[in-house]
């Protein structure tokens, strides 16, 4: 019997917004921008880790988003 399960990449609204706004084409570019590893991006995306306060402040400094907006977008899946 074939397994028809396909792994679908979860997408957090925050990451999608940052990638579109900065015209990033992959997670590595986003990771470099956020001073994170691409594996950490994946772990946050899959709800294994949450954004650290340091990363939230870094995103706050690099965008026009409020800290509350960053936290909210980081929790929401697309």
C-alpha atoms as a PDB file:
ATOM      1  CA  UNK A   1       0.000   0.000   0.000  1.00  0.00           C
ATOM      2  CA  UNK A   2       1.339   3.430  -0.930  1.00  0.00           C
ATOM      3  CA  UNK A   3       1.473   6.188   1.592  1.00  0.00           C
ATOM      4  CA  UNK A   4      -0.047   9.280  -0.017  1.00  0.00           C
ATOM      5  CA  UNK A   5       0.974  11.532   2.869  1.00  0.00           C
ATOM      6  CA  UNK A   6       2.790  14.628   1.667  1.00  0.00           C
ATOM      7  CA  UNK A   7       4.721  16.796   4.057  1.00  0.00           C
ATOM      8  CA  UNK A   8       3.481  20.341   3.712  1.00  0.00           C
ATOM      9  CA  UNK A   9       5.672  23.175   4.840  1.00  0.00           C
ATOM     10  CA  UNK A  10       4.015  25.191   7.573  1.00  0.00           C
ATOM     11  CA  UNK A  11       4.267  28.915   7.149  1.00  0.00           C
ATOM     12  CA  UNK A  12       4.041  31.487   9.898  1.00  0.00           C
ATOM     13  CA  UNK A  13       2.509  34.792   8.871  1.00  0.00           C
ATOM     14  CA  UNK A  14       5.531  36.628  10.280  1.00  0.00           C
ATOM     15  CA  UNK A  15       8.022  34.691   8.158  1.00  0.00           C
ATOM     16  CA  UNK A  16       5.873  35.015   5.051  1.00  0.00           C
ATOM     17  CA  UNK A  17       5.570  38.778   5.563  1.00  0.00           C
ATOM     18  CA  UNK A  18       9.331  39.198   6.102  1.00  0.00           C
ATOM     19  CA  UNK A  19      10.183  37.057   3.083  1.00  0.00           C
ATOM     20  CA  UNK A  20       7.803  38.939   0.784  1.00  0.00           C
ATOM     21  CA  UNK A  21       8.773  42.378   2.070  1.00  0.00           C
ATOM     22  CA  UNK A  22      12.508  41.703   1.684  1.00  0.00           C
ATOM     23  CA  UNK A  23      12.162  39.608  -1.489  1.00  0.00           C
ATOM     24  CA  UNK A  24      13.882  36.610   0.081  1.00  0.00           C
ATOM     25  CA  UNK A  25      13.606  33.412  -1.937  1.00  0.00           C
ATOM     26  CA  UNK A  26      14.550  30.863   0.730  1.00  0.00           C
ATOM     27  CA  UNK A  27      14.836  30.260   4.449  1.00  0.00           C
ATOM     28  CA  UNK A  28      18.601  30.738   4.430  1.00  0.00           C
ATOM     29  CA  UNK A  29      18.249  34.366   3.335  1.00  0.00           C
ATOM     30  CA  UNK A  30      15.633  34.919   6.035  1.00  0.00           C
ATOM     31  CA  UNK A  31      17.849  33.211   8.616  1.00  0.00           C
ATOM     32  CA  UNK A  32      20.821  35.392   7.685  1.00  0.00           C
ATOM     33  CA  UNK A  33      18.633  38.501   7.973  1.00  0.00           C
ATOM     34  CA  UNK A  34      17.393  37.422  11.426  1.00  0.00           C
ATOM     35  CA  UNK A  35      20.814  36.190  12.573  1.00  0.00           C
ATOM     36  CA  UNK A  36      19.379  32.704  13.093  1.00  0.00           C
ATOM     37  CA  UNK A  37      20.128  29.312  11.621  1.00  0.00           C
ATOM     38  CA  UNK A  38      17.811  27.992   8.939  1.00  0.00           C
ATOM     39  CA  UNK A  39      17.116  24.982  11.178  1.00  0.00           C
ATOM     40  CA  UNK A  40      15.895  27.363  13.890  1.00  0.00           C
ATOM     41  CA  UNK A  41      13.542  28.969  11.332  1.00  0.00           C
ATOM     42  CA  UNK A  42      12.184  25.497  10.620  1.00  0.00           C
ATOM     43  CA  UNK A  43      11.773  24.695  14.316  1.00  0.00           C
ATOM     44  CA  UNK A  44       9.884  27.945  14.964  1.00  0.00           C
ATOM     45  CA  UNK A  45       7.739  27.324  11.886  1.00  0.00           C
ATOM     46  CA  UNK A  46       6.838  23.850  13.163  1.00  0.00           C
ATOM     47  CA  UNK A  47       6.086  25.056  16.714  1.00  0.00           C
ATOM     48  CA  UNK A  48       9.080  23.295  18.296  1.00  0.00           C
ATOM     49  CA  UNK A  49      10.513  26.621  19.456  1.00  0.00           C
ATOM     50  CA  UNK A  50       9.254  30.146  19.895  1.00  0.00           C
ATOM     51  CA  UNK A  51      11.011  33.329  18.891  1.00  0.00           C
ATOM     52  CA  UNK A  52      13.405  34.526  21.562  1.00  0.00           C
ATOM     53  CA  UNK A  53      13.022  38.020  23.020  1.00  0.00           C
ATOM     54  CA  UNK A  54      16.305  38.916  21.281  1.00  0.00           C
ATOM     55  CA  UNK A  55      14.928  37.884  17.884  1.00  0.00           C
ATOM     56  CA  UNK A  56      11.660  39.719  18.508  1.00  0.00           C
ATOM     57  CA  UNK A  57      13.619  42.903  19.268  1.00  0.00           C
ATOM     58  CA  UNK A  58      15.783  42.399  16.193  1.00  0.00           C
ATOM     59  CA  UNK A  59      12.677  42.100  13.986  1.00  0.00           C
ATOM     60  CA  UNK A  60      11.225  45.158  15.726  1.00  0.00           C
ATOM     61  CA  UNK A  61      14.386  47.156  14.901  1.00  0.00           C
ATOM     62  CA  UNK A  62      14.398  46.023  11.254  1.00  0.00           C
ATOM     63  CA  UNK A  63      10.691  46.539  10.504  1.00  0.00           C
ATOM     64  CA  UNK A  64       7.851  48.923  11.206  1.00  0.00           C
ATOM     65  CA  UNK A  65       5.973  46.250  13.186  1.00  0.00           C
ATOM     66  CA  UNK A  66       5.183  46.649  16.864  1.00  0.00           C
ATOM     67  CA  UNK A  67       6.339  44.002  19.315  1.00  0.00           C
ATOM     68  CA  UNK A  68       2.747  42.879  19.834  1.00  0.00           C
ATOM     69  CA  UNK A  69       2.245  42.529  16.050  1.00  0.00           C
ATOM     70  CA  UNK A  70       5.444  40.471  15.811  1.00  0.00           C
ATOM     71  CA  UNK A  71       4.285  38.156  18.590  1.00  0.00           C
ATOM     72  CA  UNK A  72       0.839  37.780  17.049  1.00  0.00           C
ATOM     73  CA  UNK A  73       2.145  37.090  13.527  1.00  0.00           C
ATOM     74  CA  UNK A  74       4.667  34.584  14.914  1.00  0.00           C
ATOM     75  CA  UNK A  75       1.801  32.585  16.448  1.00  0.00           C
ATOM     76  CA  UNK A  76      -0.417  32.543  13.358  1.00  0.00           C
ATOM     77  CA  UNK A  77      -0.129  30.068  10.508  1.00  0.00           C
ATOM     78  CA  UNK A  78      -0.977  31.176   6.980  1.00  0.00           C
END
